[in-house]
C-alpha atoms as a PDB file:
ATOM      1  CA  MET A   1      89.476  70.813  95.374  1.00  0.00           C
ATOM      2  CA  ALA A   2      90.798  68.131  93.033  1.00  0.00           C
ATOM      3  CA  ASN A   3      89.762  67.688  89.428  1.00  0.00           C
ATOM      4  CA  GLU A   4      90.483  65.444  86.463  1.00  0.00           C
ATOM      5  CA  HIS A   5      93.121  67.748  84.986  1.00  0.00           C
ATOM      6  CA  PHE A   6      95.693  67.125  87.725  1.00  0.00           C
ATOM      7  CA  TYR A   7      98.424  64.519  87.544  1.00  0.00           C
ATOM      8  CA  PRO A   8      98.233  61.731  90.164  1.00  0.00           C
ATOM      9  CA  GLU A   9      99.115  62.433  93.788  1.00  0.00           C
ATOM     10  CA  ILE A  10     102.817  62.140  94.633  1.00  0.00           C
ATOM     11  CA  GLU A  11     105.004  62.608  97.664  1.00  0.00           C
ATOM     12  CA  PRO A  12     108.080  64.852  97.684  1.00  0.00           C
ATOM     13  CA  TYR A  13     111.466  63.165  97.621  1.00  0.00           C
ATOM     14  CA  ARG A  14     113.004  66.052  99.594  1.00  0.00           C
ATOM     15  CA  THR A  15     111.622  68.747 101.909  1.00  0.00           C
ATOM     16  CA  GLY A  16     113.236  71.479 103.936  1.00  0.00           C
ATOM     17  CA  GLU A  17     113.134  75.007 105.233  1.00  0.00           C
ATOM     18  CA  LEU A  18     115.026  77.985 103.889  1.00  0.00           C
ATOM     19  CA  ARG A  19     115.684  80.676 106.505  1.00  0.00           C
ATOM     20  CA  VAL A  20     114.954  84.111 105.041  1.00  0.00           C
ATOM     21  CA  ASP A  21     115.778  86.131 108.173  1.00  0.00           C
ATOM     22  CA  ASP A  22     115.600  85.770 111.957  1.00  0.00           C
ATOM     23  CA  LEU A  23     111.808  85.591 111.881  1.00  0.00           C
ATOM     24  CA  HIS A  24     110.856  84.039 108.532  1.00  0.00           C
ATOM     25  CA  THR A  25     111.447  80.721 106.845  1.00  0.00           C
ATOM     26  CA  LEU A  26     110.157  79.243 103.598  1.00  0.00           C
ATOM     27  CA  TYR A  27     109.106  75.624 103.444  1.00  0.00           C
ATOM     28  CA  TYR A  28     109.984  73.824 100.214  1.00  0.00           C
ATOM     29  CA  GLU A  29     109.399  70.471  98.561  1.00  0.00           C
ATOM     30  CA  GLU A  30     111.142  68.800  95.651  1.00  0.00           C
ATOM     31  CA  CYS A  31     108.856  66.514  93.689  1.00  0.00           C
ATOM     32  CA  GLY A  32     108.858  64.459  90.530  1.00  0.00           C
ATOM     33  CA  THR A  33     112.065  63.084  89.118  1.00  0.00           C
ATOM     34  CA  PRO A  34     115.434  64.449  90.321  1.00  0.00           C
ATOM     35  CA  ASP A  35     116.807  64.438  86.750  1.00  0.00           C
ATOM     36  CA  GLY A  36     113.707  66.000  85.189  1.00  0.00           C
ATOM     37  CA  LEU A  37     113.172  69.431  83.675  1.00  0.00           C
ATOM     38  CA  PRO A  38     113.482  71.930  86.529  1.00  0.00           C
ATOM     39  CA  ILE A  39     110.434  74.066  87.228  1.00  0.00           C
ATOM     40  CA  LEU A  40     109.614  76.411  90.125  1.00  0.00           C
ATOM     41  CA  PHE A  41     106.100  76.585  91.575  1.00  0.00           C
ATOM     42  CA  VAL A  42     105.456  79.422  94.023  1.00  0.00           C
ATOM     43  CA  HIS A  43     102.180  79.614  95.930  1.00  0.00           C
ATOM     44  CA  GLY A  44      99.541  81.969  94.582  1.00  0.00           C
ATOM     45  CA  GLY A  45     100.011  84.809  97.026  1.00  0.00           C
ATOM     46  CA  PRO A  46      99.638  85.894 100.612  1.00  0.00           C
ATOM     47  CA  GLY A  47      97.551  83.476 102.578  1.00  0.00           C
ATOM     48  CA  ALA A  48      97.341  80.891  99.796  1.00  0.00           C
ATOM     49  CA  GLY A  49      99.797  78.568 101.459  1.00  0.00           C
ATOM     50  CA  CYS A  50     100.755  75.379  99.700  1.00  0.00           C
ATOM     51  CA  THR A  51      98.787  72.190  99.420  1.00  0.00           C
ATOM     52  CA  THR A  52      99.574  68.720  98.163  1.00  0.00           C
ATOM     53  CA  THR A  53      97.613  69.593  95.040  1.00  0.00           C
ATOM     54  CA  GLY A  54     100.334  72.065  94.016  1.00  0.00           C
ATOM     55  CA  ARG A  55     102.525  69.044  93.253  1.00  0.00           C
ATOM     56  CA  ARG A  56      99.989  67.774  90.737  1.00  0.00           C
ATOM     57  CA  PHE A  57     100.380  70.447  88.021  1.00  0.00           C
ATOM     58  CA  PHE A  58     103.529  68.775  86.702  1.00  0.00           C
ATOM     59  CA  ASP A  59     104.118  65.388  85.092  1.00  0.00           C
ATOM     60  CA  PRO A  60     106.217  63.659  87.786  1.00  0.00           C
ATOM     61  CA  ASP A  61     108.031  61.572  85.155  1.00  0.00           C
ATOM     62  CA  ARG A  62     109.192  64.657  83.227  1.00  0.00           C
ATOM     63  CA  PHE A  63     109.695  67.447  85.772  1.00  0.00           C
ATOM     64  CA  ARG A  64     111.732  68.132  88.874  1.00  0.00           C
ATOM     65  CA  SER A  65     109.459  70.620  90.584  1.00  0.00           C
ATOM     66  CA  LEU A  66     110.429  72.824  93.496  1.00  0.00           C
ATOM     67  CA  VAL A  67     107.371  73.933  95.474  1.00  0.00           C
ATOM     68  CA  LEU A  68     107.792  76.941  97.774  1.00  0.00           C
ATOM     69  CA  ARG A  69     105.420  78.181 100.427  1.00  0.00           C
ATOM     70  CA  GLY A  70     105.557  81.390 102.393  1.00  0.00           C
ATOM     71  CA  ILE A  71     103.623  82.408 105.481  1.00  0.00           C
ATOM     72  CA  TRP A  72     101.305  85.405 105.509  1.00  0.00           C
ATOM     73  CA  MET A  73      99.962  86.370 108.920  1.00  0.00           C
ATOM     74  CA  LEU A  74      97.925  89.428 107.916  1.00  0.00           C
ATOM     75  CA  ARG A  75      99.690  91.665 110.394  1.00  0.00           C
ATOM     76  CA  ASP A  76      99.635  95.425 109.893  1.00  0.00           C
ATOM     77  CA  GLU A  77     103.259  95.512 108.710  1.00  0.00           C
ATOM     78  CA  GLU A  78     102.581  92.794 106.132  1.00  0.00           C
ATOM     79  CA  ILE A  79      99.544  94.612 104.796  1.00  0.00           C
ATOM     80  CA  HIS A  80     101.539  97.835 104.608  1.00  0.00           C
ATOM     81  CA  TRP A  81     104.383  95.980 102.866  1.00  0.00           C
ATOM     82  CA  TRP A  82     102.001  94.393 100.371  1.00  0.00           C
ATOM     83  CA  LEU A  83     100.156  97.598  99.541  1.00  0.00           C
ATOM     84  CA  TYR A  84     102.889 100.230  99.744  1.00  0.00           C
ATOM     85  CA  GLU A  85     106.408  98.865 100.031  1.00  0.00           C
ATOM     86  CA  MET A  86     106.718  95.809  97.779  1.00  0.00           C
ATOM     87  CA  GLY A  87     107.538  97.979  94.800  1.00  0.00           C
ATOM     88  CA  LYS A  88     110.907  98.753  96.381  1.00  0.00           C
ATOM     89  CA  ILE A  89     112.209  95.362  95.250  1.00  0.00           C
ATOM     90  CA  GLN A  90     111.900  96.282  91.572  1.00  0.00           C
ATOM     91  CA  PRO A  91     110.607  99.831  91.436  1.00  0.00           C
ATOM     92  CA  GLU A  92     111.254 100.033  87.706  1.00  0.00           C
ATOM     93  CA  LEU A  93     108.623  97.341  87.133  1.00  0.00           C
ATOM     94  CA  TRP A  94     106.122  98.034  89.883  1.00  0.00           C
ATOM     95  CA  ARG A  95     103.919 100.931  88.874  1.00  0.00           C
ATOM     96  CA  ARG A  96     104.110 101.079  85.103  1.00  0.00           C
ATOM     97  CA  LEU A  97     104.338  98.711  82.209  1.00  0.00           C
ATOM     98  CA  ASP A  98     106.974 100.836  80.492  1.00  0.00           C
ATOM     99  CA  ARG A  99     109.714  98.185  80.597  1.00  0.00           C
ATOM    100  CA  GLU A 100     107.859  95.351  78.867  1.00  0.00           C
ATOM    101  CA  ASP A 101     110.592  95.290  76.236  1.00  0.00           C
ATOM    102  CA  ARG A 102     112.666  93.319  78.781  1.00  0.00           C
ATOM    103  CA  LEU A 103     110.073  90.535  78.742  1.00  0.00           C
ATOM    104  CA  ARG A 104     109.097  90.356  75.102  1.00  0.00           C
ATOM    105  CA  SER A 105     111.654  87.733  74.068  1.00  0.00           C
ATOM    106  CA  ILE A 106     110.680  85.334  76.887  1.00  0.00           C
ATOM    107  CA  PRO A 107     108.136  82.676  75.851  1.00  0.00           C
ATOM    108  CA  ALA A 108     105.375  83.070  78.422  1.00  0.00           C
ATOM    109  CA  PHE A 109     101.849  81.905  79.134  1.00  0.00           C
ATOM    110  CA  ALA A 110      99.349  83.408  81.566  1.00  0.00           C
ATOM    111  CA  VAL A 111      95.972  82.091  82.664  1.00  0.00           C
ATOM    112  CA  HIS A 112      93.410  84.144  84.560  1.00  0.00           C
ATOM    113  CA  GLY A 113      89.905  83.481  85.840  1.00  0.00           C
ATOM    114  CA  ARG A 114      87.213  85.823  84.530  1.00  0.00           C
ATOM    115  CA  TYR A 115      85.682  86.107  88.024  1.00  0.00           C
ATOM    116  CA  ASP A 116      88.904  86.555  90.000  1.00  0.00           C
ATOM    117  CA  LEU A 117      87.999  89.023  92.760  1.00  0.00           C
ATOM    118  CA  VAL A 118      91.552  89.150  94.156  1.00  0.00           C
ATOM    119  CA  CYS A 119      93.462  90.045  90.984  1.00  0.00           C
ATOM    120  CA  PRO A 120      91.210  91.838  88.489  1.00  0.00           C
ATOM    121  CA  VAL A 121      91.191  90.397  84.975  1.00  0.00           C
ATOM    122  CA  LYS A 122      91.976  93.932  83.772  1.00  0.00           C
ATOM    123  CA  ASN A 123      95.553  93.330  84.957  1.00  0.00           C
ATOM    124  CA  LEU A 124      95.962  90.527  82.414  1.00  0.00           C
ATOM    125  CA  ASP A 125      94.350  92.672  79.742  1.00  0.00           C
ATOM    126  CA  ASP A 126      96.773  95.529  80.488  1.00  0.00           C
ATOM    127  CA  LEU A 127      99.741  93.169  80.482  1.00  0.00           C
ATOM    128  CA  SER A 128      98.646  91.557  77.208  1.00  0.00           C
ATOM    129  CA  ARG A 129      98.335  94.943  75.523  1.00  0.00           C
ATOM    130  CA  ALA A 130     101.823  95.934  76.694  1.00  0.00           C
ATOM    131  CA  TRP A 131     103.288  92.495  75.877  1.00  0.00           C
ATOM    132  CA  PRO A 132     101.597  91.255  72.673  1.00  0.00           C
ATOM    133  CA  GLU A 133     103.785  88.131  72.548  1.00  0.00           C
ATOM    134  CA  LEU A 134     102.283  86.890  75.832  1.00  0.00           C
ATOM    135  CA  ASP A 135     100.052  83.878  75.238  1.00  0.00           C
ATOM    136  CA  ALA A 136      97.126  84.590  77.560  1.00  0.00           C
ATOM    137  CA  VAL A 137      93.902  82.754  78.325  1.00  0.00           C
ATOM    138  CA  ILE A 138      90.933  83.989  80.331  1.00  0.00           C
ATOM    139  CA  VAL A 139      88.984  81.053  81.745  1.00  0.00           C
ATOM    140  CA  PRO A 140      85.323  82.080  81.494  1.00  0.00           C
ATOM    141  CA  ASP A 141      83.984  80.117  84.469  1.00  0.00           C
ATOM    142  CA  ALA A 142      86.839  80.510  86.976  1.00  0.00           C
ATOM    143  CA  GLY A 143      87.848  82.811  89.790  1.00  0.00           C
ATOM    144  CA  HIS A 144      91.204  83.129  91.575  1.00  0.00           C
ATOM    145  CA  SER A 145      92.122  79.569  92.545  1.00  0.00           C
ATOM    146  CA  SER A 146      94.610  77.588  90.486  1.00  0.00           C
ATOM    147  CA  HIS A 147      92.647  74.504  91.609  1.00  0.00           C
ATOM    148  CA  GLU A 148      89.537  75.419  89.644  1.00  0.00           C
ATOM    149  CA  PRO A 149      89.133  72.913  86.794  1.00  0.00           C
ATOM    150  CA  GLY A 150      89.475  75.368  83.896  1.00  0.00           C
ATOM    151  CA  ILE A 151      92.586  77.022  85.311  1.00  0.00           C
ATOM    152  CA  THR A 152      94.141  73.679  86.234  1.00  0.00           C
ATOM    153  CA  ARG A 153      93.477  72.388  82.706  1.00  0.00           C
ATOM    154  CA  GLU A 154      95.304  75.361  81.175  1.00  0.00           C
ATOM    155  CA  LEU A 155      98.249  75.227  83.611  1.00  0.00           C
ATOM    156  CA  VAL A 156      98.773  71.491  83.144  1.00  0.00           C
ATOM    157  CA  ALA A 157      98.571  71.910  79.357  1.00  0.00           C
ATOM    158  CA  ALA A 158     101.203  74.683  79.549  1.00  0.00           C
ATOM    159  CA  THR A 159     103.601  72.478  81.533  1.00  0.00           C
ATOM    160  CA  ALA A 160     103.067  69.692  78.988  1.00  0.00           C
ATOM    161  CA  ARG A 161     103.997  72.149  76.209  1.00  0.00           C
ATOM    162  CA  ILE A 162     107.189  73.062  78.089  1.00  0.00           C
ATOM    163  CA  ALA A 163     108.119  69.374  78.285  1.00  0.00           C
ATOM    164  CA  GLU A 164     107.341  68.805  74.602  1.00  0.00           C
ATOM    165  CA  THR A 165     108.575  72.008  72.951  1.00  0.00           C
ATOM    166  CA  GLY A 166     110.544  73.951  75.568  1.00  0.00           C
ATOM    167  CA  SER A 167     107.930  76.721  75.584  1.00  0.00           C
ATOM    168  CA  PRO A 168     104.557  77.189  77.332  1.00  0.00           C
ATOM    169  CA  VAL A 169     103.180  79.105  74.338  1.00  0.00           C
ATOM    170  CA  ARG A 170     100.371  77.456  72.379  1.00  0.00           C
ATOM    171  CA  GLY A 171     101.108  76.534  68.723  1.00  0.00           C
END
């Protein structure tokens, strides 16, 4: 789903695969300008994959974007990992928002669709209450996809602010 908020289509200048373990690899693309502001774009979650539209959130003349894609096969062990084990990576951050003080000095912007059925908008509300410095927008007519026009508009505007001011936070 393309919309008028995206930058023009581009091709990566470098692609590759990063071996994670004996079974898993991550595909990556480097796009934009090699000397541009570095920015990391990670796909939206299990099963989301990565499309050519992911390259279009960033001004190719200003950013060097690294696009990563993982593979989610919906196997029992992946579901178990996602629901019950992922918190082992950073258990101090997983279940409670009692360490938000570690984030408060980082300029950050979050955008969330009002009708997101995958990640409830309550999560953004909880995070915003715990992290008042977070600049957050709820797009009233969007769901989960970053390719929905309202979400794309906000994400592209945030990357433009990074290029112009060094921060995604609105004035």
